[in-house]
């Protein structure tokens, strides 16, 4: 059994609160109660609690039941995504039955999801203006379908007893804020809308400072994004797009309205679910996976911006593995350069009494050993010659020998052959061609390079 607990669960919920949110009270028939073995509490498309059902008891409302159970760690389900089990096209019963077991299924390949997105009119309209599209759509939703919108958003804020706000309204781009929702009886709800990216903490702090000067009840702040921030941001509640789709579907549950407006919201929820599924394809499930996504699969996606966003997100997720599995010293990086993802690792190294940065960078099948030379920073020809002379004087920084047993099929030819590659104002490198590296090989390379520095 899957029970959708979006409204009862929050990220700070403890084990008891998660258990209680999952176990009561639901409309569950006699056959289901007899056959069900496990119960999963799901919020935002992710399993928050998993329990073995021991018994059932009736609730105060006729036809509703709760269960008593114990944690079920043997499932290994907590923290995993069940997005592939999401109901299609807006179906939203919060009680979902898999009485013959959860069906096994390979994750949808990128091209299948891309094709489904390509036939969705709203998705095609969205291409090229993702955040603007979503903000404008949600503002329209708040205005056009107030009861449904309130079922989705109202519980994300608190009551306002000051009476400062007189009318229900939505604001766009007020003091650069994406969305501000107002109710006569509630504190303002500020939504900072991101799709594949996340704002800087300084930006969020600046926004909170702005809303702190508003009159009336203090605003509540929602960070809406496809992926969570690296760490909680004070004063902001994270809301995934996947959970937004769940909230919309639950608000539409048992709603027989087939008007153009309501059907449009149903289709929007479908698009959001497909985008979430597309996002899930960037997750690192195994250390043996290739670091980069399959270009032939990405070619199915019509939007260049979406392809770039997926590559960048994959790089960020590989970076997270490198940070967790790599050496304790140094730092990792992830970025997009010339439309292609890169990851890397560097640390401080003292060479000839001078502290520099040294490490590696991987992009487009090039594995680069690199240094950053702050003391020789500059864009002139003389500066470049000085960096070249320094690199030539310290060949140990560009020694690929420890990596040939680690990297997959490097050709052994160090490039450039005579000189060094440069990225102004201070980056110097050499590389070997080493396509199709796995995440594990990049981790192993990091440890090998760090061991050479330590020696």
Protein backbone atom coordinates (compact mmCIF):
# COMPACT_ATOMS: atom_id res chain seq x y z
CA UNK A 1 0.00 0.00 0.00
CA UNK A 2 1.16 3.51 -0.78
CA UNK A 3 -0.35 6.36 1.20
CA UNK A 4 0.31 9.90 -0.07
CA UNK A 5 1.06 12.01 3.02
CA UNK A 6 2.06 15.33 1.45
CA UNK A 7 -0.18 17.41 3.71
CA UNK A 8 0.67 15.61 6.95
CA UNK A 9 4.43 15.26 6.45
CA UNK A 10 7.17 17.92 6.63
CA UNK A 11 10.97 17.67 6.27
CA UNK A 12 11.41 18.11 10.03
CA UNK A 13 8.94 15.32 10.89
CA UNK A 14 10.35 12.74 13.31
CA UNK A 15 9.84 8.98 13.03
CA UNK A 16 6.67 9.02 15.13
CA UNK A 17 5.09 11.85 13.14
CA UNK A 18 5.89 10.08 9.85
CA UNK A 19 4.41 6.84 11.17
CA UNK A 20 1.22 8.53 12.35
CA UNK A 21 0.83 10.41 9.05
CA UNK A 22 1.14 7.11 7.17
CA UNK A 23 -1.07 4.87 9.26
CA UNK A 24 -4.34 6.76 9.68
CA UNK A 25 -7.01 7.23 8.44
CA UNK A 26 -7.81 6.00 4.94
CA UNK A 27 -10.60 4.47 2.89
CA UNK A 28 -9.41 0.88 2.66
CA UNK A 29 -11.68 -2.03 1.77
CA UNK A 30 -11.87 -5.40 3.51
CA UNK A 31 -10.02 -7.29 0.76
CA UNK A 32 -7.21 -4.77 0.81
CA UNK A 33 -6.92 -4.92 4.60
CA UNK A 34 -6.71 -8.69 4.43
CA UNK A 35 -4.04 -8.83 1.72
CA UNK A 36 -1.82 -5.82 2.39
CA UNK A 37 1.53 -6.60 4.01
CA UNK A 38 3.49 -3.35 3.78
CA UNK A 39 2.58 0.33 3.89
CA UNK A 40 4.69 3.13 2.44
CA UNK A 41 4.18 6.78 3.40
CA UNK A 42 5.09 8.91 0.37
CA UNK A 43 5.54 12.69 0.23
CA UNK A 44 6.87 14.56 -2.78
CA UNK A 45 7.19 11.28 -4.68
CA UNK A 46 9.74 9.96 -2.14
CA UNK A 47 9.20 7.22 0.46
CA UNK A 48 9.36 8.80 3.93
CA UNK A 49 8.32 5.78 5.98
CA UNK A 50 8.01 2.01 5.38
CA UNK A 51 6.08 -0.29 7.73
CA UNK A 52 4.97 -3.93 8.03
CA UNK A 53 1.25 -3.93 8.81
CA UNK A 54 0.27 -5.93 11.90
CA UNK A 55 -3.40 -5.02 12.38
CA UNK A 56 -6.15 -2.62 11.33
CA UNK A 57 -8.58 -0.50 13.39
CA UNK A 58 -11.51 1.66 12.35
CA UNK A 59 -11.46 5.43 12.57
CA UNK A 60 -14.09 7.85 13.81
CA UNK A 61 -15.44 8.33 10.28
CA UNK A 62 -17.23 5.34 8.84
CA UNK A 63 -15.30 3.57 6.12
CA UNK A 64 -11.90 4.90 7.20
CA UNK A 65 -9.25 2.67 8.70
CA UNK A 66 -5.85 2.95 10.29
CA UNK A 67 -3.17 0.34 10.83
CA UNK A 68 -0.69 -0.58 13.53
CA UNK A 69 2.70 -1.71 12.32
CA UNK A 70 6.45 -1.79 12.77
CA UNK A 71 9.28 -0.30 10.66
CA UNK A 72 10.26 -2.39 7.63
CA UNK A 73 13.96 -1.67 6.98
CA UNK A 74 14.16 -4.91 4.96
CA UNK A 75 12.48 -3.09 2.07
CA UNK A 76 15.27 -0.53 1.78
CA UNK A 77 12.57 1.84 0.59
CA UNK A 78 12.94 4.97 2.73
CA UNK A 79 14.44 7.82 0.74
CA UNK A 80 13.81 6.21 -2.64
CA UNK A 81 11.72 7.73 -5.42
CA UNK A 82 8.44 6.13 -6.49
CA UNK A 83 7.82 8.64 -9.26
CA UNK A 84 7.53 5.85 -11.83
CA UNK A 85 4.43 4.67 -9.92
CA UNK A 86 2.78 8.08 -10.06
CA UNK A 87 -0.73 7.93 -11.50
CA UNK A 88 -0.92 9.13 -15.12
CA UNK A 89 -2.74 12.21 -16.28
CA UNK A 90 -3.85 13.59 -12.95
CA UNK A 91 -5.24 10.43 -11.33
CA UNK A 92 -4.74 11.13 -7.65
CA UNK A 93 -6.19 8.66 -5.19
CA UNK A 94 -4.03 9.12 -2.07
CA UNK A 95 -4.41 5.38 -1.41
CA UNK A 96 -2.64 3.26 -4.02
CA UNK A 97 -2.78 -0.51 -4.02
CA UNK A 98 -0.06 -2.87 -5.23
CA UNK A 99 -1.41 -6.04 -3.63
CA UNK A 100 0.57 -8.33 -5.93
CA UNK A 101 3.74 -6.43 -5.14
CA UNK A 102 5.17 -3.27 -6.67
CA UNK A 103 5.68 -4.03 -10.36
CA UNK A 104 9.27 -4.30 -11.46
CA UNK A 105 10.12 -1.84 -14.18
CA UNK A 106 13.22 -0.42 -15.71
CA UNK A 107 13.40 3.32 -15.35
CA UNK A 108 12.10 5.13 -18.38
CA UNK A 109 14.98 5.92 -20.71
CA UNK A 110 15.52 9.55 -21.49
CA UNK A 111 14.23 9.28 -25.04
CA UNK A 112 10.88 7.78 -23.91
CA UNK A 113 10.29 10.62 -21.45
CA UNK A 114 11.42 13.15 -24.06
CA UNK A 115 8.94 11.82 -26.60
CA UNK A 116 6.11 12.03 -24.07
CA UNK A 117 7.10 15.60 -23.28
CA UNK A 118 7.33 16.52 -26.95
CA UNK A 119 3.66 15.69 -27.52
CA UNK A 120 2.52 17.81 -24.57
CA UNK A 121 1.52 21.29 -25.83
CA UNK A 122 2.32 22.93 -22.49
CA UNK A 123 5.80 21.43 -22.53
CA UNK A 124 6.44 22.79 -26.01
CA UNK A 125 5.26 26.24 -24.93
CA UNK A 126 7.55 26.01 -21.90
CA UNK A 127 10.77 25.37 -23.87
CA UNK A 128 13.16 28.27 -23.73
CA UNK A 129 11.44 30.10 -20.86
CA UNK A 130 11.06 27.53 -18.13
CA UNK A 131 10.89 29.64 -14.98
CA UNK A 132 8.86 32.40 -16.61
CA UNK A 133 6.39 29.84 -17.96
CA UNK A 134 5.85 28.16 -14.58
CA UNK A 135 5.51 31.45 -12.70
CA UNK A 136 3.00 32.81 -15.18
CA UNK A 137 1.04 29.57 -15.18
CA UNK A 138 0.83 29.38 -11.39
CA UNK A 139 -0.27 33.02 -11.23
CA UNK A 140 -3.03 32.25 -13.75
CA UNK A 141 -4.02 29.15 -11.76
CA UNK A 142 -4.32 31.21 -8.55
CA UNK A 143 -6.58 33.74 -10.30
CA UNK A 144 -8.65 31.46 -12.54
CA UNK A 145 -9.35 28.55 -10.17
CA UNK A 146 -9.25 29.99 -6.64
CA UNK A 147 -10.75 27.00 -4.81
CA UNK A 148 -8.41 24.51 -6.43
CA UNK A 149 -5.41 26.83 -6.00
CA UNK A 150 -6.23 27.31 -2.32
CA UNK A 151 -6.30 23.53 -1.86
CA UNK A 152 -2.79 23.44 -3.30
CA UNK A 153 -1.18 26.47 -1.61
CA UNK A 154 -3.17 27.73 1.37
CA UNK A 155 -1.77 25.31 3.95
CA UNK A 156 1.78 26.42 3.10
CA UNK A 157 1.22 29.64 5.04
CA UNK A 158 -0.44 30.61 8.32
CA UNK A 159 -3.46 32.62 9.37
CA UNK A 160 -3.28 36.40 9.52
CA UNK A 161 -5.22 38.10 12.30
CA UNK A 162 -3.97 41.59 11.49
CA UNK A 163 -6.50 42.11 8.70
CA UNK A 164 -3.90 44.01 6.70
CA UNK A 165 -4.66 42.25 3.40
CA UNK A 166 -8.17 43.00 2.18
CA UNK A 167 -8.40 41.06 -1.09
CA UNK A 168 -7.19 37.80 -2.57
CA UNK A 169 -4.60 38.54 -5.26
CA UNK A 170 -1.32 37.44 -6.81
CA UNK A 171 1.72 39.59 -7.59
CA UNK A 172 4.43 38.88 -10.15
CA UNK A 173 7.97 40.21 -9.86
CA UNK A 174 7.31 42.37 -6.82
CA UNK A 175 10.79 43.51 -5.78
CA UNK A 176 12.15 40.76 -8.07
CA UNK A 177 10.17 38.05 -6.25
CA UNK A 178 8.72 35.52 -8.69
CA UNK A 179 5.32 35.08 -7.04
CA UNK A 180 3.54 36.51 -4.01
CA UNK A 181 0.16 35.00 -3.13
CA UNK A 182 -2.17 37.02 -0.90
CA UNK A 183 -5.29 35.98 1.01
CA UNK A 184 -7.46 38.21 3.24
CA UNK A 185 -7.00 35.76 6.12
CA UNK A 186 -3.44 34.54 5.60
CA UNK A 187 0.15 35.68 5.67
CA UNK A 188 1.65 36.33 2.20
CA UNK A 189 3.20 33.30 0.51
CA UNK A 190 6.38 34.13 -1.40
CA UNK A 191 7.48 31.59 -4.04
CA UNK A 192 10.99 31.75 -5.46
CA UNK A 193 10.70 29.64 -8.58
CA UNK A 194 13.58 27.60 -9.96
CA UNK A 195 13.31 24.63 -12.26
CA UNK A 196 16.69 22.90 -12.71
CA UNK A 197 18.84 25.42 -10.85
CA UNK A 198 19.02 26.79 -7.33
CA UNK A 199 19.54 30.39 -6.24
CA UNK A 200 22.45 31.59 -4.19
CA UNK A 201 21.98 31.77 -0.44
CA UNK A 202 22.82 35.48 -0.54
CA UNK A 203 19.95 36.00 -2.98
CA UNK A 204 17.49 34.23 -0.69
CA UNK A 205 18.71 36.24 2.30
CA UNK A 206 18.23 39.42 0.31
CA UNK A 207 14.66 38.43 -0.55
CA UNK A 208 13.86 37.70 3.08
CA UNK A 209 15.21 41.11 4.05
CA UNK A 210 12.83 42.69 1.54
CA UNK A 211 9.76 40.84 2.80
CA UNK A 212 10.78 41.59 6.38
CA UNK A 213 9.96 45.25 5.71
CA UNK A 214 6.40 44.51 4.58
CA UNK A 215 3.49 45.45 6.79
CA UNK A 216 1.11 42.88 8.22
CA UNK A 217 1.78 39.25 9.11
CA UNK A 218 5.33 38.09 8.22
CA UNK A 219 5.49 36.32 4.87
CA UNK A 220 6.21 32.63 4.43
CA UNK A 221 8.85 31.67 1.87
CA UNK A 222 8.78 28.70 -0.52
CA UNK A 223 11.71 27.57 -2.66
CA UNK A 224 10.16 25.75 -5.63
CA UNK A 225 12.64 23.67 -7.60
CA UNK A 226 13.12 20.31 -9.29
CA UNK A 227 16.02 19.43 -6.97
CA UNK A 228 16.61 20.22 -3.30
CA UNK A 229 19.25 22.66 -2.05
CA UNK A 230 22.50 21.17 -0.81
CA UNK A 231 21.48 22.13 2.72
CA UNK A 232 18.42 23.78 4.34
CA UNK A 233 18.19 27.54 3.87
CA UNK A 234 17.00 29.45 6.92
CA UNK A 235 13.56 30.94 6.50
CA UNK A 236 12.76 28.97 3.32
CA UNK A 237 10.72 25.79 2.89
CA UNK A 238 11.69 23.57 -0.03
CA UNK A 239 8.82 22.43 -2.28
CA UNK A 240 9.71 20.08 -5.12
CA UNK A 241 7.89 20.30 -8.41
CA UNK A 242 7.03 16.65 -7.92
CA UNK A 243 5.25 17.49 -4.68
CA UNK A 244 3.53 20.40 -6.42
CA UNK A 245 2.15 17.90 -8.95
CA UNK A 246 1.02 15.64 -6.10
CA UNK A 247 -0.75 18.57 -4.46
CA UNK A 248 -2.49 19.48 -7.71
CA UNK A 249 -3.58 15.89 -8.31
CA UNK A 250 -4.95 15.53 -4.80
CA UNK A 251 -6.86 18.80 -5.17
CA UNK A 252 -8.37 17.41 -8.38
CA UNK A 253 -9.20 14.02 -6.87
CA UNK A 254 -12.91 13.22 -7.39
CA UNK A 255 -13.27 16.50 -9.34
CA UNK A 256 -15.43 15.76 -12.37
CA UNK A 257 -15.08 19.25 -13.85
CA UNK A 258 -13.95 18.85 -17.46
CA UNK A 259 -13.71 22.55 -18.26
CA UNK A 260 -10.84 23.85 -20.35
CA UNK A 261 -9.28 25.51 -17.29
CA UNK A 262 -9.34 22.39 -15.12
CA UNK A 263 -8.11 20.14 -17.93
CA UNK A 264 -5.25 22.56 -18.51
CA UNK A 265 -4.20 22.22 -14.87
CA UNK A 266 -4.38 18.43 -15.19
CA UNK A 267 -2.10 18.55 -18.21
CA UNK A 268 0.27 20.88 -16.39
CA UNK A 269 0.57 18.35 -13.57
CA UNK A 270 1.39 15.70 -16.16
CA UNK A 271 4.14 17.87 -17.65
CA UNK A 272 5.62 18.49 -14.20
CA UNK A 273 5.69 14.75 -13.50
CA UNK A 274 7.43 14.08 -16.80
CA UNK A 275 10.01 16.77 -16.04
CA UNK A 276 10.58 15.20 -12.62
CA UNK A 277 11.05 11.81 -14.25
CA UNK A 278 13.49 13.38 -16.71
CA UNK A 279 15.35 14.85 -13.77
CA UNK A 280 15.57 11.43 -12.12
CA UNK A 281 17.59 10.17 -15.09
CA UNK A 282 20.51 12.29 -13.86
CA UNK A 283 20.75 10.51 -10.49
CA UNK A 284 23.92 8.46 -9.90
CA UNK A 285 22.59 5.00 -9.05
CA UNK A 286 25.88 3.12 -9.30
CA UNK A 287 29.57 3.91 -9.11
CA UNK A 288 30.00 1.85 -12.27
CA UNK A 289 27.89 4.23 -14.35
CA UNK A 290 29.47 6.44 -16.97
CA UNK A 291 30.03 9.92 -15.60
CA UNK A 292 28.10 11.51 -18.46
CA UNK A 293 24.65 10.96 -19.89
CA UNK A 294 24.21 9.26 -23.26
CA UNK A 295 24.31 11.93 -25.96
CA UNK A 296 22.14 9.87 -28.29
CA UNK A 297 19.39 9.81 -25.65
CA UNK A 298 19.68 13.53 -25.00
CA UNK A 299 19.34 14.17 -28.73
CA UNK A 300 15.66 13.19 -28.39
CA UNK A 301 15.04 16.33 -26.33
CA UNK A 302 14.01 19.22 -28.57
CA UNK A 303 15.08 21.97 -26.18
CA UNK A 304 18.77 22.88 -26.16
CA UNK A 305 18.30 24.56 -22.80
CA UNK A 306 16.79 21.41 -21.30
CA UNK A 307 19.65 19.27 -22.63
CA UNK A 308 22.16 21.68 -21.13
CA UNK A 309 20.31 21.77 -17.82
CA UNK A 310 20.32 17.96 -17.60
CA UNK A 311 24.04 17.80 -18.37
CA UNK A 312 24.73 20.39 -15.69
CA UNK A 313 22.61 18.58 -13.13
CA UNK A 314 24.32 15.28 -13.90
CA UNK A 315 27.67 17.00 -13.36
CA UNK A 316 26.46 18.32 -10.00
CA UNK A 317 25.39 14.84 -8.96
CA UNK A 318 28.70 13.30 -10.00
CA UNK A 319 30.38 16.13 -8.07
CA UNK A 320 28.39 15.18 -4.97
CA UNK A 321 29.67 11.59 -5.20
CA UNK A 322 33.24 12.82 -5.67
CA UNK A 323 32.89 15.05 -2.61
CA UNK A 324 31.59 12.16 -0.53
CA UNK A 325 33.94 9.43 -1.76
CA UNK A 326 37.08 11.42 -2.51
CA UNK A 327 39.92 12.56 -0.24
CA UNK A 328 39.14 14.65 2.82
CA UNK A 329 41.31 17.47 1.48
CA UNK A 330 40.56 19.69 -1.49
CA UNK A 331 37.30 20.63 -3.14
CA UNK A 332 35.23 19.55 -6.12
CA UNK A 333 33.68 21.50 -8.98
CA UNK A 334 30.91 21.01 -11.53
CA UNK A 335 29.98 23.32 -14.39
CA UNK A 336 29.00 23.68 -18.03
CA UNK A 337 31.57 25.11 -20.43
CA UNK A 338 30.88 25.53 -24.15
CA UNK A 339 27.71 23.50 -23.68
CA UNK A 340 29.55 20.48 -22.24
CA UNK A 341 29.64 19.34 -18.60
CA UNK A 342 32.79 19.15 -16.57
CA UNK A 343 33.74 17.95 -13.11
CA UNK A 344 36.98 18.30 -11.27
CA UNK A 345 38.93 18.30 -8.03
CA UNK A 346 41.71 20.52 -6.77
CA UNK A 347 43.62 21.11 -3.57
CA UNK A 348 46.25 23.50 -2.30
CA UNK A 349 49.81 22.32 -2.94
CA UNK A 350 53.06 24.05 -1.98
CA UNK A 351 55.65 23.95 -4.76
CA UNK A 352 59.03 25.66 -4.35
CA UNK A 353 57.70 27.62 -1.39
CA UNK A 354 54.70 28.87 -3.42
CA UNK A 355 51.15 27.78 -2.71
CA UNK A 356 49.21 26.86 -5.84
CA UNK A 357 46.13 24.80 -6.67
CA UNK A 358 46.57 21.46 -8.40
CA UNK A 359 44.28 18.62 -9.40
CA UNK A 360 42.24 17.40 -12.35
CA UNK A 361 39.33 18.23 -14.62
CA UNK A 362 37.27 15.93 -16.85
CA UNK A 363 35.34 17.16 -19.90
CA UNK A 364 34.39 15.73 -23.32
CA UNK A 365 36.67 12.71 -22.98
CA UNK A 366 39.64 14.80 -21.90
CA UNK A 367 41.15 14.00 -18.53
CA UNK A 368 43.25 17.02 -17.61
CA UNK A 369 45.89 17.40 -14.96
CA UNK A 370 45.79 21.07 -14.11
CA UNK A 371 47.19 23.81 -11.92
CA UNK A 372 45.93 27.25 -11.00
CA UNK A 373 48.74 29.78 -10.45
CA UNK A 374 47.41 32.85 -8.62
CA UNK A 375 50.91 34.36 -8.31
CA UNK A 376 51.22 34.40 -12.13
CA UNK A 377 47.70 35.52 -12.94
CA UNK A 378 47.30 37.73 -15.99
CA UNK A 379 46.18 37.87 -19.60
CA UNK A 380 49.26 39.24 -21.33
CA UNK A 381 51.69 37.23 -23.41
CA UNK A 382 54.33 37.70 -20.75
CA UNK A 383 52.01 36.29 -18.08
CA UNK A 384 51.28 33.25 -20.23
CA UNK A 385 55.02 32.68 -20.83
CA UNK A 386 55.66 32.87 -17.07
CA UNK A 387 53.01 30.23 -16.39
CA UNK A 388 54.47 28.06 -19.18
CA UNK A 389 57.93 28.32 -17.63
CA UNK A 390 56.57 27.39 -14.18
CA UNK A 391 54.72 24.34 -15.55
CA UNK A 392 57.77 23.20 -17.52
CA UNK A 393 59.87 23.44 -14.35
CA UNK A 394 57.48 21.15 -12.43
CA UNK A 395 56.66 18.17 -14.67
CA UNK A 396 55.64 16.12 -11.61
CA UNK A 397 52.40 18.11 -11.53
CA UNK A 398 51.50 16.70 -14.97
CA UNK A 399 52.59 13.08 -14.50
CA UNK A 400 49.86 10.76 -15.82
CA UNK A 401 51.75 7.54 -14.97
CA UNK A 402 49.82 6.88 -11.70
CA UNK A 403 46.54 7.13 -13.64
CA UNK A 404 47.04 4.65 -16.47
CA UNK A 405 45.86 1.73 -14.32
CA UNK A 406 42.92 3.75 -13.04
CA UNK A 407 41.41 5.45 -16.09
CA UNK A 408 39.60 3.54 -18.80
CA UNK A 409 41.60 3.20 -22.03
CA UNK A 410 43.63 6.41 -22.05
CA UNK A 411 45.65 6.52 -25.25
CA UNK A 412 48.83 7.49 -23.39
CA UNK A 413 49.50 10.49 -25.62
CA UNK A 414 49.83 13.58 -23.43
CA UNK A 415 48.52 16.72 -25.12
CA UNK A 416 49.52 19.38 -26.03
CA UNK A 417 52.75 17.68 -26.98
CA UNK A 418 55.23 20.54 -26.87
CA UNK A 419 53.60 23.15 -24.68
CA UNK A 420 50.67 23.42 -22.24
CA UNK A 421 47.03 24.29 -22.55
CA UNK A 422 45.91 27.55 -20.96
CA UNK A 423 42.68 29.11 -19.75
CA UNK A 424 43.25 32.72 -18.77
CA UNK A 425 44.01 34.15 -16.37
CA UNK A 426 45.79 31.40 -14.37
CA UNK A 427 44.73 27.86 -15.44
CA UNK A 428 47.35 25.56 -17.02
CA UNK A 429 46.78 21.94 -18.08
CA UNK A 430 47.75 18.91 -20.08
CA UNK A 431 45.42 16.04 -20.94
CA UNK A 432 45.04 12.51 -22.21
CA UNK A 433 42.07 11.26 -24.20
CA UNK A 434 40.09 9.03 -21.86
CA UNK A 435 36.44 8.76 -22.91
CA UNK A 436 33.67 6.97 -21.01
CA UNK A 437 35.07 7.18 -17.51
CA UNK A 438 32.88 5.78 -14.77
CA UNK A 439 32.16 7.62 -11.56
CA UNK A 440 34.27 5.04 -9.71
CA UNK A 441 37.25 5.70 -11.99
CA UNK A 442 37.03 9.43 -11.34
CA UNK A 443 36.97 8.77 -7.59
CA UNK A 444 39.95 6.42 -7.90
CA UNK A 445 41.84 8.97 -9.99
CA UNK A 446 41.26 11.60 -7.32
CA UNK A 447 42.75 9.37 -4.64
CA UNK A 448 45.71 8.47 -6.87
CA UNK A 449 46.51 12.10 -7.61
CA UNK A 450 46.13 13.10 -3.97
CA UNK A 451 48.46 10.26 -2.92
CA UNK A 452 51.07 11.55 -5.38
CA UNK A 453 50.79 15.04 -3.84
CA UNK A 454 51.11 13.61 -0.33
CA UNK A 455 54.25 11.71 -1.35
